[in-house]
């Protein structure tokens, strides 16, 4: 189950459009993954966080967590590159479904 985590786009009361940007990003990811072999398996997690670089500038990124059991990682990365966001990859040893 690939998990696409969104980091650094936390709602800021001073930024009235931050929540809209998160929703738009989630909608865009859903559209990009439409028809992909892993479409029924992936999840998106919005991690409410403030991510900034040393200079204090915002530095949001995507973290892709997957076992890559089906070899989906390269397809995911190649698909998400159009978002022009930093990405990091976390390879999980195993996924244990709830049932």
PDB file of N, CA and C in Angstrom:
ATOM      1  N   UNK A   1       0.844  -1.170   0.000  1.00  0.00           N
ATOM      2  CA  UNK A   1       0.000   0.000   0.000  1.00  0.00           C
ATOM      3  C   UNK A   1       0.894   1.239   0.000  1.00  0.00           C
ATOM      4  N   UNK A   2       1.121   1.828  -1.141  1.00  0.00           N
ATOM      5  CA  UNK A   2       1.906   3.068  -1.165  1.00  0.00           C
ATOM      6  C   UNK A   2       1.183   4.175  -0.401  1.00  0.00           C
ATOM      7  N   UNK A   3       1.950   4.917   0.385  1.00  0.00           N
ATOM      8  CA  UNK A   3       1.423   6.035   1.149  1.00  0.00           C
ATOM      9  C   UNK A   3       2.132   7.295   0.669  1.00  0.00           C
ATOM     10  N   UNK A   4       1.370   8.235   0.140  1.00  0.00           N
ATOM     11  CA  UNK A   4       1.921   9.504  -0.300  1.00  0.00           C
ATOM     12  C   UNK A   4       1.665  10.501   0.828  1.00  0.00           C
ATOM     13  N   UNK A   5       2.721  10.895   1.520  1.00  0.00           N
ATOM     14  CA  UNK A   5       2.597  11.824   2.635  1.00  0.00           C
ATOM     15  C   UNK A   5       2.910  13.239   2.145  1.00  0.00           C
ATOM     16  N   UNK A   6       2.065  14.180   2.533  1.00  0.00           N
ATOM     17  CA  UNK A   6       2.280  15.585   2.204  1.00  0.00           C
ATOM     18  C   UNK A   6       2.779  16.272   3.472  1.00  0.00           C
ATOM     19  N   UNK A   7       3.975  16.845   3.406  1.00  0.00           N
ATOM     20  CA  UNK A   7       4.577  17.518   4.560  1.00  0.00           C
ATOM     21  C   UNK A   7       4.771  18.999   4.258  1.00  0.00           C
ATOM     22  N   UNK A   8       4.481  19.838   5.245  1.00  0.00           N
ATOM     23  CA  UNK A   8       4.815  21.251   5.143  1.00  0.00           C
ATOM     24  C   UNK A   8       3.763  22.147   4.548  1.00  0.00           C
ATOM     25  N   UNK A   9       2.567  21.645   4.333  1.00  0.00           N
ATOM     26  CA  UNK A   9       1.489  22.494   3.824  1.00  0.00           C
ATOM     27  C   UNK A   9       0.394  22.636   4.875  1.00  0.00           C
ATOM     28  N   UNK A  10       0.807  22.728   6.125  1.00  0.00           N
ATOM     29  CA  UNK A  10      -0.124  22.846   7.239  1.00  0.00           C
ATOM     30  C   UNK A  10      -0.944  24.122   7.100  1.00  0.00           C
ATOM     31  N   UNK A  11      -2.197  24.018   7.509  1.00  0.00           N
ATOM     32  CA  UNK A  11      -3.050  25.195   7.489  1.00  0.00           C
ATOM     33  C   UNK A  11      -2.497  26.246   8.444  1.00  0.00           C
ATOM     34  N   UNK A  12      -2.320  27.443   7.929  1.00  0.00           N
ATOM     35  CA  UNK A  12      -1.831  28.573   8.707  1.00  0.00           C
ATOM     36  C   UNK A  12      -2.947  29.606   8.745  1.00  0.00           C
ATOM     37  N   UNK A  13      -3.419  29.994   9.929  1.00  0.00           N
ATOM     38  CA  UNK A  13      -4.532  30.947  10.014  1.00  0.00           C
ATOM     39  C   UNK A  13      -4.270  32.242   9.255  1.00  0.00           C
ATOM     40  N   UNK A  14      -3.005  32.595   9.083  1.00  0.00           N
ATOM     41  CA  UNK A  14      -2.672  33.814   8.347  1.00  0.00           C
ATOM     42  C   UNK A  14      -2.719  33.592   6.835  1.00  0.00           C
ATOM     43  N   UNK A  15      -2.691  32.344   6.405  1.00  0.00           N
ATOM     44  CA  UNK A  15      -2.716  32.004   4.980  1.00  0.00           C
ATOM     45  C   UNK A  15      -4.073  31.382   4.673  1.00  0.00           C
ATOM     46  N   UNK A  16      -4.992  32.190   4.204  1.00  0.00           N
ATOM     47  CA  UNK A  16      -6.367  31.738   3.985  1.00  0.00           C
ATOM     48  C   UNK A  16      -6.497  30.714   2.865  1.00  0.00           C
ATOM     49  N   UNK A  17      -5.453  30.545   2.050  1.00  0.00           N
ATOM     50  CA  UNK A  17      -5.536  29.644   0.900  1.00  0.00           C
ATOM     51  C   UNK A  17      -4.756  28.348   1.084  1.00  0.00           C
ATOM     52  N   UNK A  18      -4.091  28.180   2.225  1.00  0.00           N
ATOM     53  CA  UNK A  18      -3.271  26.986   2.447  1.00  0.00           C
ATOM     54  C   UNK A  18      -4.102  25.712   2.386  1.00  0.00           C
ATOM     55  N   UNK A  19      -5.258  25.725   3.033  1.00  0.00           N
ATOM     56  CA  UNK A  19      -6.113  24.532   3.047  1.00  0.00           C
ATOM     57  C   UNK A  19      -6.586  24.194   1.639  1.00  0.00           C
ATOM     58  N   UNK A  20      -6.902  25.216   0.839  1.00  0.00           N
ATOM     59  CA  UNK A  20      -7.305  24.994  -0.553  1.00  0.00           C
ATOM     60  C   UNK A  20      -6.177  24.360  -1.355  1.00  0.00           C
ATOM     61  N   UNK A  21      -4.935  24.788  -1.102  1.00  0.00           N
ATOM     62  CA  UNK A  21      -3.794  24.224  -1.840  1.00  0.00           C
ATOM     63  C   UNK A  21      -3.614  22.746  -1.518  1.00  0.00           C
ATOM     64  N   UNK A  22      -3.809  22.381  -0.251  1.00  0.00           N
ATOM     65  CA  UNK A  22      -3.698  20.970   0.129  1.00  0.00           C
ATOM     66  C   UNK A  22      -4.778  20.161  -0.582  1.00  0.00           C
ATOM     67  N   UNK A  23      -6.007  20.647  -0.561  1.00  0.00           N
ATOM     68  CA  UNK A  23      -7.105  19.943  -1.229  1.00  0.00           C
ATOM     69  C   UNK A  23      -6.855  19.832  -2.726  1.00  0.00           C
ATOM     70  N   UNK A  24      -6.341  20.890  -3.338  1.00  0.00           N
ATOM     71  CA  UNK A  24      -6.027  20.851  -4.774  1.00  0.00           C
ATOM     72  C   UNK A  24      -4.921  19.844  -5.058  1.00  0.00           C
ATOM     73  N   UNK A  25      -3.912  19.809  -4.202  1.00  0.00           N
ATOM     74  CA  UNK A  25      -2.817  18.856  -4.386  1.00  0.00           C
ATOM     75  C   UNK A  25      -3.331  17.424  -4.272  1.00  0.00           C
ATOM     76  N   UNK A  26      -4.160  17.149  -3.288  1.00  0.00           N
ATOM     77  CA  UNK A  26      -4.733  15.811  -3.129  1.00  0.00           C
ATOM     78  C   UNK A  26      -5.559  15.439  -4.349  1.00  0.00           C
ATOM     79  N   UNK A  27      -6.398  16.353  -4.824  1.00  0.00           N
ATOM     80  CA  UNK A  27      -7.208  16.093  -6.023  1.00  0.00           C
ATOM     81  C   UNK A  27      -6.317  15.814  -7.232  1.00  0.00           C
ATOM     82  N   UNK A  28      -5.239  16.582  -7.371  1.00  0.00           N
ATOM     83  CA  UNK A  28      -4.321  16.387  -8.500  1.00  0.00           C
ATOM     84  C   UNK A  28      -3.652  15.022  -8.434  1.00  0.00           C
ATOM     85  N   UNK A  29      -3.229  14.613  -7.243  1.00  0.00           N
ATOM     86  CA  UNK A  29      -2.608  13.284  -7.095  1.00  0.00           C
ATOM     87  C   UNK A  29      -3.602  12.195  -7.477  1.00  0.00           C
ATOM     88  N   UNK A  30      -4.850  12.323  -7.014  1.00  0.00           N
ATOM     89  CA  UNK A  30      -5.877  11.341  -7.388  1.00  0.00           C
ATOM     90  C   UNK A  30      -6.029  11.284  -8.912  1.00  0.00           C
ATOM     91  N   UNK A  31      -6.048  12.419  -9.565  1.00  0.00           N
ATOM     92  CA  UNK A  31      -6.181  12.455 -11.028  1.00  0.00           C
ATOM     93  C   UNK A  31      -4.976  11.822 -11.703  1.00  0.00           C
ATOM     94  N   UNK A  32      -3.776  12.120 -11.207  1.00  0.00           N
ATOM     95  CA  UNK A  32      -2.559  11.565 -11.801  1.00  0.00           C
ATOM     96  C   UNK A  32      -2.510  10.043 -11.671  1.00  0.00           C
ATOM     97  N   UNK A  33      -3.047   9.518 -10.566  1.00  0.00           N
ATOM     98  CA  UNK A  33      -3.000   8.077 -10.317  1.00  0.00           C
ATOM     99  C   UNK A  33      -4.193   7.330 -10.906  1.00  0.00           C
ATOM    100  N   UNK A  34      -5.129   8.048 -11.488  1.00  0.00           N
ATOM    101  CA  UNK A  34      -6.301   7.414 -12.086  1.00  0.00           C
ATOM    102  C   UNK A  34      -5.865   6.444 -13.188  1.00  0.00           C
ATOM    103  N   UNK A  35      -6.277   5.197 -13.068  1.00  0.00           N
ATOM    104  CA  UNK A  35      -5.951   4.187 -14.068  1.00  0.00           C
ATOM    105  C   UNK A  35      -4.623   3.473 -13.846  1.00  0.00           C
ATOM    106  N   UNK A  36      -3.870   3.881 -12.836  1.00  0.00           N
ATOM    107  CA  UNK A  36      -2.591   3.220 -12.551  1.00  0.00           C
ATOM    108  C   UNK A  36      -2.844   1.860 -11.888  1.00  0.00           C
ATOM    109  N   UNK A  37      -1.926   0.904 -12.048  1.00  0.00           N
ATOM    110  CA  UNK A  37      -2.120  -0.425 -11.448  1.00  0.00           C
ATOM    111  C   UNK A  37      -2.285  -0.393  -9.929  1.00  0.00           C
ATOM    112  N   UNK A  38      -1.709   0.596  -9.288  1.00  0.00           N
ATOM    113  CA  UNK A  38      -1.774   0.692  -7.830  1.00  0.00           C
ATOM    114  C   UNK A  38      -2.915   1.611  -7.361  1.00  0.00           C
ATOM    115  N   UNK A  39      -3.787   1.999  -8.260  1.00  0.00           N
ATOM    116  CA  UNK A  39      -4.850   2.965  -7.966  1.00  0.00           C
ATOM    117  C   UNK A  39      -5.685   2.570  -6.746  1.00  0.00           C
ATOM    118  N   UNK A  40      -6.008   1.324  -6.605  1.00  0.00           N
ATOM    119  CA  UNK A  40      -6.875   0.887  -5.501  1.00  0.00           C
ATOM    120  C   UNK A  40      -6.109   0.692  -4.189  1.00  0.00           C
ATOM    121  N   UNK A  41      -4.782   0.774  -4.242  1.00  0.00           N
ATOM    122  CA  UNK A  41      -3.970   0.445  -3.071  1.00  0.00           C
ATOM    123  C   UNK A  41      -3.366   1.648  -2.351  1.00  0.00           C
ATOM    124  N   UNK A  42      -3.186   2.771  -3.037  1.00  0.00           N
ATOM    125  CA  UNK A  42      -2.458   3.878  -2.425  1.00  0.00           C
ATOM    126  C   UNK A  42      -3.355   4.683  -1.472  1.00  0.00           C
ATOM    127  N   UNK A  43      -2.706   5.380  -0.540  1.00  0.00           N
ATOM    128  CA  UNK A  43      -3.385   6.314   0.344  1.00  0.00           C
ATOM    129  C   UNK A  43      -2.600   7.624   0.350  1.00  0.00           C
ATOM    130  N   UNK A  44      -3.277   8.688   0.722  1.00  0.00           N
ATOM    131  CA  UNK A  44      -2.625   9.993   0.859  1.00  0.00           C
ATOM    132  C   UNK A  44      -2.795  10.440   2.299  1.00  0.00           C
ATOM    133  N   UNK A  45      -1.705  10.856   2.910  1.00  0.00           N
ATOM    134  CA  UNK A  45      -1.718  11.340   4.281  1.00  0.00           C
ATOM    135  C   UNK A  45      -1.230  12.782   4.296  1.00  0.00           C
ATOM    136  N   UNK A  46      -2.053  13.685   4.819  1.00  0.00           N
ATOM    137  CA  UNK A  46      -1.636  15.068   4.989  1.00  0.00           C
ATOM    138  C   UNK A  46      -1.070  15.211   6.393  1.00  0.00           C
ATOM    139  N   UNK A  47       0.239  15.367   6.491  1.00  0.00           N
ATOM    140  CA  UNK A  47       0.909  15.503   7.779  1.00  0.00           C
ATOM    141  C   UNK A  47       0.919  16.990   8.129  1.00  0.00           C
ATOM    142  N   UNK A  48       0.133  17.346   9.131  1.00  0.00           N
ATOM    143  CA  UNK A  48       0.052  18.755   9.521  1.00  0.00           C
ATOM    144  C   UNK A  48       1.388  19.164  10.129  1.00  0.00           C
ATOM    145  N   UNK A  49       2.183  19.845   9.317  1.00  0.00           N
ATOM    146  CA  UNK A  49       3.529  20.191   9.761  1.00  0.00           C
ATOM    147  C   UNK A  49       3.981  21.478   9.089  1.00  0.00           C
ATOM    148  N   UNK A  50       4.951  22.088   9.698  1.00  0.00           N
ATOM    149  CA  UNK A  50       5.585  23.278   9.158  1.00  0.00           C
ATOM    150  C   UNK A  50       7.022  22.887   8.844  1.00  0.00           C
ATOM    151  N   UNK A  51       7.380  22.869   7.561  1.00  0.00           N
ATOM    152  CA  UNK A  51       8.717  22.459   7.150  1.00  0.00           C
ATOM    153  C   UNK A  51       9.426  23.679   6.571  1.00  0.00           C
ATOM    154  N   UNK A  52      10.591  23.990   7.137  1.00  0.00           N
ATOM    155  CA  UNK A  52      11.336  25.142   6.625  1.00  0.00           C
ATOM    156  C   UNK A  52      12.817  24.817   6.539  1.00  0.00           C
ATOM    157  N   UNK A  53      13.467  25.490   5.615  1.00  0.00           N
ATOM    158  CA  UNK A  53      14.905  25.335   5.423  1.00  0.00           C
ATOM    159  C   UNK A  53      15.646  26.183   6.469  1.00  0.00           C
ATOM    160  N   UNK A  54      16.947  26.098   6.470  1.00  0.00           N
ATOM    161  CA  UNK A  54      17.774  26.841   7.424  1.00  0.00           C
ATOM    162  C   UNK A  54      17.490  28.342   7.359  1.00  0.00           C
ATOM    163  N   UNK A  55      17.215  28.854   6.171  1.00  0.00           N
ATOM    164  CA  UNK A  55      16.963  30.285   6.008  1.00  0.00           C
ATOM    165  C   UNK A  55      15.541  30.688   6.396  1.00  0.00           C
ATOM    166  N   UNK A  56      14.729  29.712   6.825  1.00  0.00           N
ATOM    167  CA  UNK A  56      13.375  29.997   7.254  1.00  0.00           C
ATOM    168  C   UNK A  56      12.327  29.917   6.166  1.00  0.00           C
ATOM    169  N   UNK A  57      12.753  29.731   4.917  1.00  0.00           N
ATOM    170  CA  UNK A  57      11.795  29.619   3.819  1.00  0.00           C
ATOM    171  C   UNK A  57      11.062  28.283   3.875  1.00  0.00           C
ATOM    172  N   UNK A  58       9.777  28.283   3.555  1.00  0.00           N
ATOM    173  CA  UNK A  58       9.015  27.025   3.533  1.00  0.00           C
ATOM    174  C   UNK A  58       9.641  26.024   2.569  1.00  0.00           C
ATOM    175  N   UNK A  59       9.603  24.763   2.956  1.00  0.00           N
ATOM    176  CA  UNK A  59      10.190  23.710   2.130  1.00  0.00           C
ATOM    177  C   UNK A  59       9.305  22.464   2.151  1.00  0.00           C
ATOM    178  N   UNK A  60       8.064  22.585   1.639  1.00  0.00           N
ATOM    179  CA  UNK A  60       7.168  21.419   1.641  1.00  0.00           C
ATOM    180  C   UNK A  60       7.710  20.306   0.743  1.00  0.00           C
ATOM    181  N   UNK A  61       7.322  19.084   1.043  1.00  0.00           N
ATOM    182  CA  UNK A  61       7.783  17.948   0.247  1.00  0.00           C
ATOM    183  C   UNK A  61       6.791  16.797   0.347  1.00  0.00           C
ATOM    184  N   UNK A  62       6.980  15.835  -0.546  1.00  0.00           N
ATOM    185  CA  UNK A  62       6.215  14.597  -0.524  1.00  0.00           C
ATOM    186  C   UNK A  62       7.129  13.484  -0.042  1.00  0.00           C
ATOM    187  N   UNK A  63       6.610  12.621   0.805  1.00  0.00           N
ATOM    188  CA  UNK A  63       7.338  11.412   1.212  1.00  0.00           C
ATOM    189  C   UNK A  63       6.540  10.231   0.703  1.00  0.00           C
ATOM    190  N   UNK A  64       7.187   9.379  -0.061  1.00  0.00           N
ATOM    191  CA  UNK A  64       6.549   8.186  -0.597  1.00  0.00           C
ATOM    192  C   UNK A  64       7.041   6.999   0.220  1.00  0.00           C
ATOM    193  N   UNK A  65       6.108   6.355   0.918  1.00  0.00           N
ATOM    194  CA  UNK A  65       6.413   5.186   1.738  1.00  0.00           C
ATOM    195  C   UNK A  65       5.788   3.968   1.061  1.00  0.00           C
ATOM    196  N   UNK A  66       6.601   2.982   0.765  1.00  0.00           N
ATOM    197  CA  UNK A  66       6.092   1.794   0.075  1.00  0.00           C
ATOM    198  C   UNK A  66       7.028   0.617   0.293  1.00  0.00           C
ATOM    199  N   UNK A  67       6.475  -0.578   0.174  1.00  0.00           N
ATOM    200  CA  UNK A  67       7.316  -1.771   0.165  1.00  0.00           C
ATOM    201  C   UNK A  67       7.872  -2.005  -1.236  1.00  0.00           C
ATOM    202  N   UNK A  68       7.256  -1.366  -2.221  1.00  0.00           N
ATOM    203  CA  UNK A  68       7.592  -1.543  -3.632  1.00  0.00           C
ATOM    204  C   UNK A  68       7.417  -2.998  -4.059  1.00  0.00           C
ATOM    205  N   UNK A  69       6.525  -3.710  -3.389  1.00  0.00           N
ATOM    206  CA  UNK A  69       6.304  -5.137  -3.656  1.00  0.00           C
ATOM    207  C   UNK A  69       5.863  -5.399  -5.088  1.00  0.00           C
ATOM    208  N   UNK A  70       5.119  -4.487  -5.651  1.00  0.00           N
ATOM    209  CA  UNK A  70       4.630  -4.659  -7.023  1.00  0.00           C
ATOM    210  C   UNK A  70       5.477  -3.883  -8.034  1.00  0.00           C
ATOM    211  N   UNK A  71       6.579  -3.303  -7.579  1.00  0.00           N
ATOM    212  CA  UNK A  71       7.447  -2.534  -8.474  1.00  0.00           C
ATOM    213  C   UNK A  71       6.846  -1.206  -8.897  1.00  0.00           C
ATOM    214  N   UNK A  72       5.979  -0.640  -8.042  1.00  0.00           N
ATOM    215  CA  UNK A  72       5.250   0.569  -8.402  1.00  0.00           C
ATOM    216  C   UNK A  72       6.031   1.856  -8.150  1.00  0.00           C
ATOM    217  N   UNK A  73       7.137   1.801  -7.444  1.00  0.00           N
ATOM    218  CA  UNK A  73       7.823   3.016  -7.024  1.00  0.00           C
ATOM    219  C   UNK A  73       8.231   3.913  -8.189  1.00  0.00           C
ATOM    220  N   UNK A  74       8.867   3.366  -9.193  1.00  0.00           N
ATOM    221  CA  UNK A  74       9.315   4.202 -10.316  1.00  0.00           C
ATOM    222  C   UNK A  74       8.139   4.859 -11.024  1.00  0.00           C
ATOM    223  N   UNK A  75       7.048   4.132 -11.172  1.00  0.00           N
ATOM    224  CA  UNK A  75       5.847   4.702 -11.793  1.00  0.00           C
ATOM    225  C   UNK A  75       5.314   5.849 -10.939  1.00  0.00           C
ATOM    226  N   UNK A  76       5.289   5.663  -9.627  1.00  0.00           N
ATOM    227  CA  UNK A  76       4.822   6.718  -8.721  1.00  0.00           C
ATOM    228  C   UNK A  76       5.705   7.953  -8.854  1.00  0.00           C
ATOM    229  N   UNK A  77       7.019   7.767  -8.783  1.00  0.00           N
ATOM    230  CA  UNK A  77       7.943   8.897  -8.866  1.00  0.00           C
ATOM    231  C   UNK A  77       7.838   9.612 -10.211  1.00  0.00           C
ATOM    232  N   UNK A  78       7.784   8.836 -11.288  1.00  0.00           N
ATOM    233  CA  UNK A  78       7.679   9.434 -12.619  1.00  0.00           C
ATOM    234  C   UNK A  78       6.369  10.189 -12.801  1.00  0.00           C
ATOM    235  N   UNK A  79       5.330   9.750 -12.119  1.00  0.00           N
ATOM    236  CA  UNK A  79       4.031  10.410 -12.204  1.00  0.00           C
ATOM    237  C   UNK A  79       4.013  11.694 -11.380  1.00  0.00           C
ATOM    238  N   UNK A  80       4.575  11.643 -10.181  1.00  0.00           N
ATOM    239  CA  UNK A  80       4.520  12.792  -9.277  1.00  0.00           C
ATOM    240  C   UNK A  80       5.513  13.900  -9.632  1.00  0.00           C
ATOM    241  N   UNK A  81       6.487  13.626 -10.469  1.00  0.00           N
ATOM    242  CA  UNK A  81       7.504  14.629 -10.803  1.00  0.00           C
ATOM    243  C   UNK A  81       6.879  15.890 -11.412  1.00  0.00           C
ATOM    244  N   UNK A  82       5.722  15.753 -12.042  1.00  0.00           N
ATOM    245  CA  UNK A  82       5.062  16.920 -12.650  1.00  0.00           C
ATOM    246  C   UNK A  82       4.603  17.932 -11.599  1.00  0.00           C
ATOM    247  N   UNK A  83       4.522  17.525 -10.338  1.00  0.00           N
ATOM    248  CA  UNK A  83       4.104  18.431  -9.272  1.00  0.00           C
ATOM    249  C   UNK A  83       5.203  19.417  -8.887  1.00  0.00           C
ATOM    250  N   UNK A  84       6.425  19.133  -9.319  1.00  0.00           N
ATOM    251  CA  UNK A  84       7.579  19.998  -9.039  1.00  0.00           C
ATOM    252  C   UNK A  84       7.742  20.262  -7.534  1.00  0.00           C
ATOM    253  N   UNK A  85       7.654  19.172  -6.772  1.00  0.00           N
ATOM    254  CA  UNK A  85       7.886  19.241  -5.323  1.00  0.00           C
ATOM    255  C   UNK A  85       9.055  18.331  -4.972  1.00  0.00           C
ATOM    256  N   UNK A  86       9.761  18.687  -3.909  1.00  0.00           N
ATOM    257  CA  UNK A  86      10.783  17.778  -3.402  1.00  0.00           C
ATOM    258  C   UNK A  86      10.100  16.493  -2.985  1.00  0.00           C
ATOM    259  N   UNK A  87      10.791  15.374  -3.183  1.00  0.00           N
ATOM    260  CA  UNK A  87      10.256  14.075  -2.791  1.00  0.00           C
ATOM    261  C   UNK A  87      11.349  13.289  -2.083  1.00  0.00           C
ATOM    262  N   UNK A  88      10.932  12.526  -1.094  1.00  0.00           N
ATOM    263  CA  UNK A  88      11.841  11.564  -0.484  1.00  0.00           C
ATOM    264  C   UNK A  88      11.137  10.218  -0.465  1.00  0.00           C
ATOM    265  N   UNK A  89      11.934   9.171  -0.484  1.00  0.00           N
ATOM    266  CA  UNK A  89      11.396   7.810  -0.572  1.00  0.00           C
ATOM    267  C   UNK A  89      11.803   7.038   0.671  1.00  0.00           C
ATOM    268  N   UNK A  90      10.821   6.382   1.248  1.00  0.00           N
ATOM    269  CA  UNK A  90      11.060   5.515   2.391  1.00  0.00           C
ATOM    270  C   UNK A  90      10.582   4.120   2.008  1.00  0.00           C
ATOM    271  N   UNK A  91      11.514   3.183   1.913  1.00  0.00           N
ATOM    272  CA  UNK A  91      11.165   1.805   1.570  1.00  0.00           C
ATOM    273  C   UNK A  91      10.858   1.043   2.856  1.00  0.00           C
ATOM    274  N   UNK A  92       9.654   0.519   2.918  1.00  0.00           N
ATOM    275  CA  UNK A  92       9.218  -0.241   4.084  1.00  0.00           C
ATOM    276  C   UNK A  92       9.584  -1.713   3.928  1.00  0.00           C
ATOM    277  N   UNK A  93       9.907  -2.354   4.995  1.00  0.00           N
ATOM    278  CA  UNK A  93      10.245  -3.771   4.934  1.00  0.00           C
ATOM    279  C   UNK A  93       9.035  -4.627   4.638  1.00  0.00           C
ATOM    280  N   UNK A  94       7.888  -4.182   5.164  1.00  0.00           N
ATOM    281  CA  UNK A  94       6.711  -5.023   4.999  1.00  0.00           C
ATOM    282  C   UNK A  94       5.444  -4.235   5.317  1.00  0.00           C
ATOM    283  N   UNK A  95       4.365  -4.657   4.714  1.00  0.00           N
ATOM    284  CA  UNK A  95       3.047  -4.109   4.985  1.00  0.00           C
ATOM    285  C   UNK A  95       2.163  -5.243   5.469  1.00  0.00           C
ATOM    286  N   UNK A  96       1.453  -5.024   6.555  1.00  0.00           N
ATOM    287  CA  UNK A  96       0.576  -6.053   7.112  1.00  0.00           C
ATOM    288  C   UNK A  96      -0.855  -5.530   7.051  1.00  0.00           C
ATOM    289  N   UNK A  97      -1.682  -6.059   6.147  1.00  0.00           N
ATOM    290  CA  UNK A  97      -3.060  -5.580   6.047  1.00  0.00           C
ATOM    291  C   UNK A  97      -3.855  -5.934   7.298  1.00  0.00           C
ATOM    292  N   UNK A  98      -4.916  -5.160   7.537  1.00  0.00           N
ATOM    293  CA  UNK A  98      -5.707  -5.330   8.761  1.00  0.00           C
ATOM    294  C   UNK A  98      -6.500  -6.631   8.785  1.00  0.00           C
ATOM    295  N   UNK A  99      -6.733  -7.255   7.641  1.00  0.00           N
ATOM    296  CA  UNK A  99      -7.507  -8.507   7.661  1.00  0.00           C
ATOM    297  C   UNK A  99      -6.770  -9.633   7.000  1.00  0.00           C
TER     298      UNK A  99
END
